Amino acid sequence: MNPKQAVTSGRPAFFLFDDDVNPPMNDLDQLVAQACDDFAAAPTPAELENAKARYLGKSGRVTELLKALSTLSAEEKKSHGAQINMAKQRVEAALQGRRQALADAELETQLRAEALDVTLPGRLRGIGGVHPITRTMERIEAIFASMGFDVADGPEIETDWMSFTALNNPENHPARSMQDTFYVDMKDDAGRWLNLRPHTSPMQIRHAQAHARRYAGAERMPDIRVIAPGRTYRVDSDATHSPMFHQVEGLWIGENVSFKDLKVVYLTFMQAFFETTELKIRFRPSYFPFTEPSAEIDVMFETGPLGGRWLEVSGSGQVHPQVVRNMGLDAERYIGFAFGSGIDRLAMLRYGIDDLRLFFDGDLRFLSQFN
């Protein structure tokens, strides 16, 4: 028998015969079996797609058979086409089956790699702690509370009068040079710009004014004993200074309050804060516009790494009579003292920290040491 046409394309083929309009089924079965074997041997999706191209691609073996139908008669196309399409469907089914098998195998590998042991105990979240500055502030408040001092609070955005004028710091006064620094785009009722407070003294003024109003007309006013801890702002930045820092100011106003009381109160505070009596304090004459006379307070530890050195820790003095009047009090009757200490500096001394910036960097390795 002479073949009418051979479809080879360089690969094993079957023949369409003149005397048999149906192609030999064993040739199609062999083609499907070979495709199934090639698909099954493909270890990866990429190689499977290469195998698919050999059978179902533009020049694939099944595609070439379908193209060859164009040379046949209508009756032959109908008979031969049906058989080739059935073979194509079997090849596509084998291809889809192998794709699914590879996808299932990849998923299984992923699941094994990401498997969770549900019998393990749960992982607890890390427990946070109090920031060392906050811890120091709470310690200061507790110590002064034990000596009968109230704790005042107030706004961080203040008026010029509260920040400076009420403290005997008029405009253009030289003492403003390092404090009259941060302003906000807001004005008070008098049309003056508001500023970020450079110290917590305005809280003392507000507290004293409220105290004076409360006891206005009373025969005797109880002493004002208050501390004012909080954030303050000045243009200053290095290893021991920050544009934002923390300060605690103390105020004791009464009819018979002297420097002796200041010395006793501050020495008691320092001994309680550092948990030792092996320290000394001294007062050095200084100048502040809101106190007269004024003094710097230094501390010296008798032992330890800082032993034998005088360290400045606070400014202090007898409250200026004009400031007493600005509090709404009679300066001829009431007298007292005030002091201001840097909370950050006290924390540095207590914990042995030599760089203030460590408190504000947010490094958990540093902060966790205090919890």
Protein backbone atom coordinates (compact mmCIF):
# COMPACT_ATOMS: atom_id res chain seq x y z
CA MET A 1 0.00 0.00 0.00
CA ASN A 2 1.34 3.39 -0.95
CA PRO A 3 0.94 6.18 1.49
CA LYS A 4 -0.96 9.25 0.44
CA GLN A 5 0.89 11.56 2.81
CA ALA A 6 3.29 11.21 5.65
CA VAL A 7 3.23 13.57 8.62
CA THR A 8 6.65 13.45 10.23
CA SER A 9 8.19 16.85 11.04
CA GLY A 10 11.36 14.98 11.90
CA ARG A 11 9.67 12.80 14.57
CA PRO A 12 7.99 9.36 14.58
CA ALA A 13 4.63 9.63 12.77
CA PHE A 14 1.67 7.66 11.56
CA PHE A 15 0.45 7.56 7.94
CA LEU A 16 -2.85 8.31 6.29
CA PHE A 17 -3.60 5.55 3.76
CA ASP A 18 -5.65 5.64 0.54
CA ASP A 19 -7.37 2.36 1.32
CA ASP A 20 -8.13 3.17 4.98
CA VAL A 21 -9.69 6.52 5.82
CA ASN A 22 -9.06 5.94 9.54
CA PRO A 23 -5.50 6.35 10.79
CA PRO A 24 -4.16 3.32 12.62
CA MET A 25 -5.29 3.69 16.26
CA ASN A 26 -2.17 2.03 17.59
CA ASP A 27 -0.13 4.94 16.18
CA LEU A 28 -2.29 7.46 18.05
CA ASP A 29 -2.17 5.35 21.21
CA GLN A 30 1.60 5.23 20.92
CA LEU A 31 1.71 9.02 20.56
CA VAL A 32 -0.48 9.54 23.65
CA ALA A 33 1.56 7.00 25.65
CA GLN A 34 4.81 8.71 24.72
CA ALA A 35 3.38 12.13 25.70
CA CYS A 36 2.22 10.71 29.04
CA ASP A 37 5.67 9.27 29.68
CA ASP A 38 7.38 12.58 28.82
CA PHE A 39 5.00 14.51 31.07
CA ALA A 40 5.50 12.09 33.93
CA ALA A 41 9.30 12.34 33.57
CA ALA A 42 9.27 16.18 33.83
CA PRO A 43 10.52 16.98 37.37
CA THR A 44 9.68 20.71 37.32
CA PRO A 45 6.91 22.92 35.89
CA ALA A 46 9.41 24.50 33.49
CA GLU A 47 10.44 21.14 32.02
CA LEU A 48 6.79 20.11 31.83
CA GLU A 49 6.07 23.15 29.67
CA ASN A 50 8.96 22.16 27.40
CA ALA A 51 7.44 18.69 27.04
CA LYS A 52 4.04 20.22 26.31
CA ALA A 53 5.56 22.26 23.46
CA ARG A 54 6.76 19.03 21.78
CA TYR A 55 3.16 17.85 21.51
CA LEU A 56 0.78 20.77 21.76
CA GLY A 57 2.98 23.70 20.74
CA LYS A 58 2.80 25.53 17.41
CA SER A 59 5.04 22.88 15.86
CA GLY A 60 4.06 20.06 18.20
CA ARG A 61 3.30 16.56 16.99
CA VAL A 62 -0.43 16.73 17.66
CA THR A 63 -0.61 20.20 16.13
CA GLU A 64 1.12 18.94 12.97
CA LEU A 65 -1.46 16.15 12.64
CA LEU A 66 -4.27 18.68 12.84
CA LYS A 67 -2.61 20.88 10.22
CA ALA A 68 -2.32 17.87 7.85
CA LEU A 69 -6.11 17.49 7.81
CA SER A 70 -6.30 20.45 5.42
CA THR A 71 -5.08 18.23 2.56
CA LEU A 72 -7.85 15.63 3.04
CA SER A 73 -11.33 15.44 1.71
CA ALA A 74 -14.30 16.47 3.79
CA GLU A 75 -15.18 12.90 4.67
CA GLU A 76 -11.61 12.09 5.63
CA LYS A 77 -11.31 15.25 7.71
CA LYS A 78 -14.37 14.20 9.69
CA SER A 79 -13.10 10.73 10.44
CA HIS A 80 -9.43 11.51 10.97
CA GLY A 81 -10.14 14.75 12.87
CA ALA A 82 -12.32 13.01 15.43
CA GLN A 83 -9.60 10.49 16.24
CA ILE A 84 -6.86 13.13 16.45
CA ASN A 85 -9.01 15.34 18.68
CA MET A 86 -9.64 12.43 21.02
CA ALA A 87 -5.88 11.84 21.18
CA LYS A 88 -5.31 15.55 21.81
CA GLN A 89 -7.80 15.53 24.69
CA ARG A 90 -6.00 12.57 26.26
CA VAL A 91 -2.65 14.39 25.93
CA GLU A 92 -4.12 17.57 27.48
CA ALA A 93 -5.63 15.55 30.32
CA ALA A 94 -2.26 13.95 31.01
CA LEU A 95 -0.62 17.38 30.91
CA GLN A 96 -3.15 18.86 33.35
CA GLY A 97 -2.79 15.89 35.66
CA ARG A 98 0.98 16.30 35.77
CA ARG A 99 0.65 20.04 36.40
CA GLN A 100 -1.60 19.36 39.36
CA ALA A 101 0.76 16.70 40.68
CA LEU A 102 3.74 19.08 40.52
CA ALA A 103 1.71 21.85 42.22
CA ASP A 104 0.63 19.45 44.98
CA ALA A 105 4.22 18.33 45.49
CA GLU A 106 5.44 21.94 45.71
CA LEU A 107 2.72 22.77 48.23
CA GLU A 108 3.59 19.72 50.29
CA THR A 109 7.26 20.74 50.32
CA GLN A 110 6.32 24.24 51.40
CA LEU A 111 4.03 22.97 54.14
CA ARG A 112 6.76 20.70 55.49
CA ALA A 113 9.25 23.56 55.45
CA GLU A 114 6.83 25.92 57.22
CA ALA A 115 5.31 23.39 59.56
CA LEU A 116 4.45 24.59 63.06
CA ASP A 117 4.83 22.45 66.10
CA VAL A 118 1.55 23.19 67.83
CA THR A 119 2.72 21.33 70.93
CA LEU A 120 5.36 23.98 71.69
CA PRO A 121 4.53 26.52 74.41
CA GLY A 122 3.39 29.93 73.23
CA ARG A 123 5.84 32.79 72.86
CA LEU A 124 5.21 35.53 75.38
CA ARG A 125 5.37 39.15 74.36
CA GLY A 126 8.21 41.15 75.79
CA ILE A 127 7.31 43.05 78.93
CA GLY A 128 7.94 46.79 78.74
CA GLY A 129 9.32 48.92 81.51
CA VAL A 130 9.41 52.46 82.81
CA HIS A 131 11.84 54.80 81.06
CA PRO A 132 14.76 55.77 83.35
CA ILE A 133 13.82 59.46 83.14
CA THR A 134 10.22 58.69 84.08
CA ARG A 135 11.47 56.41 86.84
CA THR A 136 13.69 59.22 88.14
CA MET A 137 10.84 61.72 88.01
CA GLU A 138 8.55 59.40 89.96
CA ARG A 139 11.30 58.87 92.54
CA ILE A 140 11.74 62.64 92.98
CA GLU A 141 7.99 63.15 93.36
CA ALA A 142 7.78 60.40 96.00
CA ILE A 143 10.67 61.83 98.03
CA PHE A 144 9.27 65.37 98.09
CA ALA A 145 5.76 64.08 98.77
CA SER A 146 7.16 62.45 101.91
CA MET A 147 8.30 65.94 103.00
CA GLY A 148 4.87 67.47 102.45
CA PHE A 149 5.34 68.94 98.96
CA ASP A 150 2.55 68.97 96.36
CA VAL A 151 3.24 68.20 92.69
CA ALA A 152 2.19 70.89 90.21
CA ASP A 153 1.42 70.44 86.53
CA GLY A 154 0.97 72.99 83.77
CA PRO A 155 1.11 73.71 80.03
CA GLU A 156 4.31 73.33 78.01
CA ILE A 157 3.27 76.21 75.73
CA GLU A 158 3.41 79.33 77.86
CA THR A 159 2.94 83.08 77.68
CA ASP A 160 5.86 85.47 77.74
CA TRP A 161 4.62 86.87 81.05
CA MET A 162 4.58 83.46 82.76
CA SER A 163 7.92 82.38 81.29
CA PHE A 164 9.87 85.56 81.91
CA THR A 165 8.18 88.75 83.12
CA ALA A 166 6.57 87.18 86.19
CA LEU A 167 10.02 85.84 87.10
CA ASN A 168 11.57 89.31 87.06
CA ASN A 169 12.94 88.76 83.54
CA PRO A 170 11.78 91.81 81.52
CA GLU A 171 12.23 92.12 77.77
CA ASN A 172 15.82 92.51 76.58
CA HIS A 173 17.13 91.24 79.90
CA PRO A 174 20.49 89.42 79.39
CA ALA A 175 19.26 86.43 81.41
CA ARG A 176 16.92 85.60 78.52
CA SER A 177 19.75 84.96 76.06
CA MET A 178 19.75 81.15 76.41
CA GLN A 179 16.07 80.77 77.32
CA ASP A 180 14.05 83.06 75.04
CA THR A 181 14.49 80.58 72.19
CA PHE A 182 11.50 78.47 71.04
CA TYR A 183 8.27 80.14 69.92
CA VAL A 184 5.08 78.77 68.36
CA ASP A 185 2.82 80.38 65.77
CA MET A 186 0.27 81.52 68.34
CA LYS A 187 -0.30 84.68 70.40
CA ASP A 188 -1.76 85.37 73.82
CA ASP A 189 -4.59 87.81 74.55
CA ALA A 190 -2.08 90.68 74.62
CA GLY A 191 -0.85 89.85 71.11
CA ARG A 192 2.47 88.40 72.26
CA TRP A 193 3.90 85.22 70.78
CA LEU A 194 3.65 82.07 72.88
CA ASN A 195 6.77 80.07 73.64
CA LEU A 196 7.81 76.59 74.72
CA ARG A 197 8.60 76.96 78.41
CA PRO A 198 12.37 77.13 79.10
CA HIS A 199 11.87 76.03 82.72
CA THR A 200 9.04 74.78 84.93
CA SER A 201 8.92 78.03 86.94
CA PRO A 202 5.59 79.06 85.30
CA MET A 203 4.00 76.09 87.04
CA GLN A 204 5.18 77.54 90.36
CA ILE A 205 3.65 80.92 89.50
CA ARG A 206 0.33 79.36 88.50
CA HIS A 207 0.23 77.15 91.61
CA ALA A 208 1.09 80.06 93.94
CA GLN A 209 -1.52 82.32 92.30
CA ALA A 210 -4.20 79.66 92.71
CA HIS A 211 -3.13 79.16 96.32
CA ALA A 212 -3.30 82.91 96.98
CA ARG A 213 -6.80 83.14 95.47
CA ARG A 214 -7.97 80.18 97.50
CA TYR A 215 -6.93 81.73 100.78
CA ALA A 216 -7.66 85.37 99.89
CA GLY A 217 -9.09 87.12 102.94
CA ALA A 218 -8.03 84.33 105.32
CA GLU A 219 -6.31 85.38 108.52
CA ARG A 220 -3.47 82.96 107.79
CA MET A 221 -2.46 81.24 104.58
CA PRO A 222 -0.89 77.76 104.78
CA ASP A 223 2.63 77.54 103.42
CA ILE A 224 3.08 76.89 99.71
CA ARG A 225 5.20 73.79 99.30
CA VAL A 226 5.27 72.46 95.76
CA ILE A 227 7.55 70.89 93.18
CA ALA A 228 7.07 71.31 89.43
CA PRO A 229 8.57 68.50 87.32
CA GLY A 230 8.24 68.34 83.55
CA ARG A 231 9.68 68.86 80.07
CA THR A 232 11.42 72.10 79.17
CA TYR A 233 13.00 73.51 76.00
CA ARG A 234 16.13 75.53 75.19
CA VAL A 235 18.53 75.77 72.24
CA ASP A 236 21.35 73.62 73.55
CA SER A 237 22.60 70.25 72.35
CA ASP A 238 25.67 68.14 73.18
CA ALA A 239 26.58 65.06 75.22
CA THR A 240 25.28 66.68 78.42
CA HIS A 241 22.55 68.97 77.03
CA SER A 242 19.44 68.49 74.92
CA PRO A 243 17.02 70.97 73.26
CA MET A 244 14.30 69.15 75.19
CA PHE A 245 15.15 68.19 78.75
CA HIS A 246 13.47 67.57 82.09
CA GLN A 247 13.55 69.82 85.10
CA VAL A 248 12.12 69.82 88.61
CA GLU A 249 11.69 73.08 90.46
CA GLY A 250 10.78 73.41 94.11
CA LEU A 251 9.10 76.26 95.95
CA TRP A 252 8.42 76.87 99.64
CA ILE A 253 6.71 80.14 100.55
CA GLY A 254 5.63 81.02 104.10
CA GLU A 255 5.93 83.63 106.79
CA ASN A 256 9.15 82.28 108.24
CA VAL A 257 11.09 80.27 105.62
CA SER A 258 14.86 80.67 105.42
CA PHE A 259 17.97 79.39 103.68
CA LYS A 260 18.34 76.96 106.56
CA ASP A 261 15.13 75.26 105.42
CA LEU A 262 16.43 75.13 101.86
CA LYS A 263 19.63 73.45 103.00
CA VAL A 264 17.81 70.87 105.13
CA VAL A 265 15.24 70.10 102.42
CA TYR A 266 17.77 69.73 99.63
CA LEU A 267 20.25 67.70 101.68
CA THR A 268 17.44 65.36 102.77
CA PHE A 269 16.35 65.01 99.15
CA MET A 270 19.86 64.23 97.88
CA GLN A 271 20.51 61.63 100.57
CA ALA A 272 17.19 59.93 99.86
CA PHE A 273 17.62 60.11 96.08
CA PHE A 274 21.11 58.59 96.06
CA GLU A 275 20.38 56.35 99.05
CA THR A 276 23.48 57.41 100.96
CA THR A 277 24.50 59.81 103.68
CA GLU A 278 28.08 59.84 102.41
CA LEU A 279 27.69 63.05 100.45
CA LYS A 280 27.99 66.76 101.07
CA ILE A 281 26.33 69.78 99.49
CA ARG A 282 27.58 73.35 99.27
CA PHE A 283 26.11 76.66 98.19
CA ARG A 284 28.08 78.94 95.87
CA PRO A 285 26.97 82.57 95.35
CA SER A 286 25.40 83.08 91.93
CA TYR A 287 22.84 85.26 90.13
CA PHE A 288 19.27 84.54 89.01
CA PRO A 289 16.78 87.37 88.37
CA PHE A 290 14.00 85.54 90.20
CA THR A 291 15.89 84.97 93.47
CA GLU A 292 17.87 87.25 95.78
CA PRO A 293 20.26 86.15 97.14
CA SER A 294 21.00 83.28 94.73
CA ALA A 295 23.25 80.24 94.91
CA GLU A 296 24.39 77.24 92.92
CA ILE A 297 24.13 73.92 94.76
CA ASP A 298 26.98 71.43 94.35
CA VAL A 299 27.21 67.88 95.62
CA MET A 300 30.29 65.80 96.46
CA PHE A 301 30.20 62.04 97.04
CA GLU A 302 32.66 60.75 99.58
CA THR A 303 33.02 57.36 97.84
CA GLY A 304 32.40 55.78 94.45
CA PRO A 305 33.54 56.69 90.93
CA LEU A 306 32.58 60.34 91.42
CA GLY A 307 33.99 60.56 94.92
CA GLY A 308 35.95 63.68 95.87
CA ARG A 309 34.58 65.91 93.09
CA TRP A 310 32.14 68.79 93.44
CA LEU A 311 29.35 68.50 90.85
CA GLU A 312 26.80 71.20 90.12
CA VAL A 313 23.25 69.87 90.49
CA SER A 314 20.92 72.83 91.07
CA GLY A 315 20.34 76.54 91.13
CA SER A 316 18.56 78.06 94.12
CA GLY A 317 17.87 81.17 96.13
CA GLN A 318 15.46 83.23 98.19
CA VAL A 319 12.47 84.18 96.05
CA HIS A 320 12.75 87.77 94.82
CA PRO A 321 10.14 90.11 96.41
CA GLN A 322 8.86 91.14 92.94
CA VAL A 323 8.24 87.47 92.06
CA VAL A 324 6.36 87.07 95.36
CA ARG A 325 4.16 90.03 94.37
CA ASN A 326 3.58 88.50 90.91
CA MET A 327 2.30 85.40 92.72
CA GLY A 328 -0.38 87.58 94.29
CA LEU A 329 1.22 87.56 97.75
CA ASP A 330 2.37 90.24 100.16
CA ALA A 331 6.16 90.41 99.80
CA GLU A 332 6.41 92.11 103.20
CA ARG A 333 4.77 89.14 104.89
CA TYR A 334 5.75 86.10 102.85
CA ILE A 335 9.21 84.85 102.08
CA GLY A 336 10.62 81.60 100.81
CA PHE A 337 13.08 79.75 98.64
CA ALA A 338 13.10 78.12 95.25
CA PHE A 339 15.42 75.69 93.48
CA GLY A 340 15.67 74.06 90.08
CA SER A 341 17.40 70.77 89.23
CA GLY A 342 17.89 68.89 85.98
CA ILE A 343 16.15 65.52 86.21
CA ASP A 344 18.26 64.16 83.36
CA ARG A 345 21.47 65.16 85.16
CA LEU A 346 20.32 63.55 88.40
CA ALA A 347 19.53 60.36 86.46
CA MET A 348 22.98 60.43 84.84
CA LEU A 349 24.62 60.71 88.26
CA ARG A 350 22.47 58.01 89.81
CA TYR A 351 22.96 55.46 86.99
CA GLY A 352 26.49 56.39 85.94
CA ILE A 353 25.54 57.58 82.43
CA ASP A 354 28.05 59.85 80.68
CA ASP A 355 26.03 60.79 77.59
CA LEU A 356 22.60 62.40 77.93
CA ARG A 357 21.63 61.44 74.38
CA LEU A 358 21.37 57.77 75.36
CA PHE A 359 18.14 58.57 77.19
CA PHE A 360 16.50 59.79 73.98
CA ASP A 361 17.88 57.40 71.32
CA GLY A 362 15.26 54.73 72.06
CA ASP A 363 17.80 51.88 72.03
CA LEU A 364 16.13 48.98 73.86
CA ARG A 365 19.50 47.45 74.66
CA PHE A 366 20.23 50.51 76.77
CA LEU A 367 16.76 51.09 78.21
CA SER A 368 16.18 47.46 79.22
CA GLN A 369 19.00 47.69 81.75
CA PHE A 370 16.79 49.78 84.01
CA ASN A 371 13.84 47.35 84.15
